[in-house]
C-alpha atoms as a PDB file:
ATOM      1  CA  UNK A   1      -2.670  -3.422 -28.719  1.00  0.00           C
ATOM      2  CA  UNK A   2      -3.493   0.512 -27.524  1.00  0.00           C
ATOM      3  CA  UNK A   3      -0.574   2.545 -28.731  1.00  0.00           C
ATOM      4  CA  UNK A   4      -0.525   5.359 -25.794  1.00  0.00           C
ATOM      5  CA  UNK A   5       3.085   5.056 -24.659  1.00  0.00           C
ATOM      6  CA  UNK A   6       4.311   7.935 -23.244  1.00  0.00           C
ATOM      7  CA  UNK A   7       7.276   6.900 -21.190  1.00  0.00           C
ATOM      8  CA  UNK A   8       7.202   9.958 -19.094  1.00  0.00           C
ATOM      9  CA  UNK A   9       3.167   9.861 -17.998  1.00  0.00           C
ATOM     10  CA  UNK A  10       4.275   6.146 -17.298  1.00  0.00           C
ATOM     11  CA  UNK A  11       6.658   6.485 -14.771  1.00  0.00           C
ATOM     12  CA  UNK A  12       5.444   9.412 -13.168  1.00  0.00           C
ATOM     13  CA  UNK A  13       2.102   7.496 -12.570  1.00  0.00           C
ATOM     14  CA  UNK A  14       4.136   4.616 -11.795  1.00  0.00           C
ATOM     15  CA  UNK A  15       6.787   6.335  -9.155  1.00  0.00           C
ATOM     16  CA  UNK A  16       3.213   8.295  -7.641  1.00  0.00           C
ATOM     17  CA  UNK A  17       1.629   4.971  -7.133  1.00  0.00           C
ATOM     18  CA  UNK A  18       4.196   3.524  -5.156  1.00  0.00           C
ATOM     19  CA  UNK A  19       5.178   6.689  -3.309  1.00  0.00           C
ATOM     20  CA  UNK A  20       1.457   6.343  -1.922  1.00  0.00           C
ATOM     21  CA  UNK A  21       1.795   2.555  -1.207  1.00  0.00           C
ATOM     22  CA  UNK A  22       4.990   3.674   0.652  1.00  0.00           C
ATOM     23  CA  UNK A  23       3.241   6.595   2.183  1.00  0.00           C
ATOM     24  CA  UNK A  24       0.251   3.720   3.347  1.00  0.00           C
ATOM     25  CA  UNK A  25       3.528   1.501   4.844  1.00  0.00           C
ATOM     26  CA  UNK A  26       4.977   3.983   6.946  1.00  0.00           C
ATOM     27  CA  UNK A  27       1.669   5.397   8.481  1.00  0.00           C
ATOM     28  CA  UNK A  28       0.654   1.871   9.034  1.00  0.00           C
ATOM     29  CA  UNK A  29       4.166   0.537  10.346  1.00  0.00           C
ATOM     30  CA  UNK A  30       5.517   3.811  12.325  1.00  0.00           C
ATOM     31  CA  UNK A  31       2.443   5.575  12.955  1.00  0.00           C
ATOM     32  CA  UNK A  32      -0.272   3.036  14.446  1.00  0.00           C
ATOM     33  CA  UNK A  33       2.045   0.334  15.599  1.00  0.00           C
ATOM     34  CA  UNK A  34       4.376   2.978  17.154  1.00  0.00           C
ATOM     35  CA  UNK A  35       3.452   6.189  17.328  1.00  0.00           C
ATOM     36  CA  UNK A  36      -0.131   6.369  17.845  1.00  0.00           C
ATOM     37  CA  UNK A  37       0.123   3.035  19.733  1.00  0.00           C
ATOM     38  CA  UNK A  38      -0.607   5.292  23.419  1.00  0.00           C
ATOM     39  CA  UNK A  39      -3.723   6.359  21.794  1.00  0.00           C
ATOM     40  CA  UNK A  40      -4.614   2.964  19.926  1.00  0.00           C
ATOM     41  CA  UNK A  41      -4.363   1.005  23.393  1.00  0.00           C
ATOM     42  CA  UNK A  42      -8.247   0.856  24.081  1.00  0.00           C
ATOM     43  CA  UNK A  43      -9.582  -0.525  21.561  1.00  0.00           C
ATOM     44  CA  UNK A  44      -9.862  -4.190  21.901  1.00  0.00           C
ATOM     45  CA  UNK A  45      -9.072  -6.747  19.058  1.00  0.00           C
ATOM     46  CA  UNK A  46      -8.621 -10.194  19.071  1.00  0.00           C
ATOM     47  CA  UNK A  47      -7.807 -10.054  22.724  1.00  0.00           C
ATOM     48  CA  UNK A  48      -4.862  -7.616  22.933  1.00  0.00           C
ATOM     49  CA  UNK A  49      -4.516  -3.545  22.120  1.00  0.00           C
ATOM     50  CA  UNK A  50      -4.731  -2.201  18.628  1.00  0.00           C
ATOM     51  CA  UNK A  51      -1.420  -0.879  18.958  1.00  0.00           C
ATOM     52  CA  UNK A  52      -0.008  -4.279  19.653  1.00  0.00           C
ATOM     53  CA  UNK A  53      -2.263  -6.227  16.853  1.00  0.00           C
ATOM     54  CA  UNK A  54      -0.560  -3.200  14.139  1.00  0.00           C
ATOM     55  CA  UNK A  55       2.914  -3.754  15.812  1.00  0.00           C
ATOM     56  CA  UNK A  56       2.416  -7.891  15.650  1.00  0.00           C
ATOM     57  CA  UNK A  57       0.419  -8.895  12.867  1.00  0.00           C
ATOM     58  CA  UNK A  58      -1.428  -5.635  10.937  1.00  0.00           C
ATOM     59  CA  UNK A  59       1.722  -4.549   9.782  1.00  0.00           C
ATOM     60  CA  UNK A  60       2.405  -7.313   7.953  1.00  0.00           C
ATOM     61  CA  UNK A  61      -1.520  -7.695   7.345  1.00  0.00           C
ATOM     62  CA  UNK A  62      -1.381  -4.440   5.727  1.00  0.00           C
ATOM     63  CA  UNK A  63       1.864  -4.688   3.784  1.00  0.00           C
ATOM     64  CA  UNK A  64       0.615  -7.879   1.760  1.00  0.00           C
ATOM     65  CA  UNK A  65      -2.638  -6.383   1.306  1.00  0.00           C
ATOM     66  CA  UNK A  66      -0.063  -3.122  -0.151  1.00  0.00           C
ATOM     67  CA  UNK A  67       1.783  -6.122  -2.359  1.00  0.00           C
ATOM     68  CA  UNK A  68      -1.747  -7.016  -3.764  1.00  0.00           C
ATOM     69  CA  UNK A  69      -3.237  -3.708  -4.562  1.00  0.00           C
ATOM     70  CA  UNK A  70       0.319  -2.580  -6.131  1.00  0.00           C
ATOM     71  CA  UNK A  71       0.143  -5.596  -8.316  1.00  0.00           C
ATOM     72  CA  UNK A  72      -3.717  -4.435  -9.422  1.00  0.00           C
ATOM     73  CA  UNK A  73      -3.162  -0.950  -9.823  1.00  0.00           C
ATOM     74  CA  UNK A  74      -0.290  -1.684 -12.280  1.00  0.00           C
ATOM     75  CA  UNK A  75      -2.131  -4.047 -14.581  1.00  0.00           C
ATOM     76  CA  UNK A  76      -4.400  -1.139 -15.134  1.00  0.00           C
ATOM     77  CA  UNK A  77      -1.651   1.117 -15.354  1.00  0.00           C
ATOM     78  CA  UNK A  78       0.064  -0.940 -18.206  1.00  0.00           C
ATOM     79  CA  UNK A  79      -3.312  -1.734 -19.622  1.00  0.00           C
ATOM     80  CA  UNK A  80      -3.879   2.202 -19.826  1.00  0.00           C
ATOM     81  CA  UNK A  81      -0.783   2.949 -21.847  1.00  0.00           C
ATOM     82  CA  UNK A  82      -0.912  -0.706 -24.083  1.00  0.00           C
ATOM     83  CA  UNK A  83       2.052  -1.998 -21.941  1.00  0.00           C
ATOM     84  CA  UNK A  84       0.136  -5.265 -21.248  1.00  0.00           C
ATOM     85  CA  UNK A  85       0.602  -8.996 -21.756  1.00  0.00           C
ATOM     86  CA  UNK A  86      -2.022 -10.103 -23.872  1.00  0.00           C
END
């Protein structure tokens, strides 16, 4: 087990990761689905425009992808700070 336990550094990295994930989620959910929808309306995806797709399915798909990304990055972060499960 690696004993690089630095609680301050671990939580700073954790909060930075959370804020990054929230920023991506906000951009996809609010930016692409609401604010940028008029710009995305000319791009066809699955028989509908891209703005509508983000509002209906894209935001959910990105949210699920963010969950998996967060879990993957937290596992790496835990290993870096010696907090991983053995």
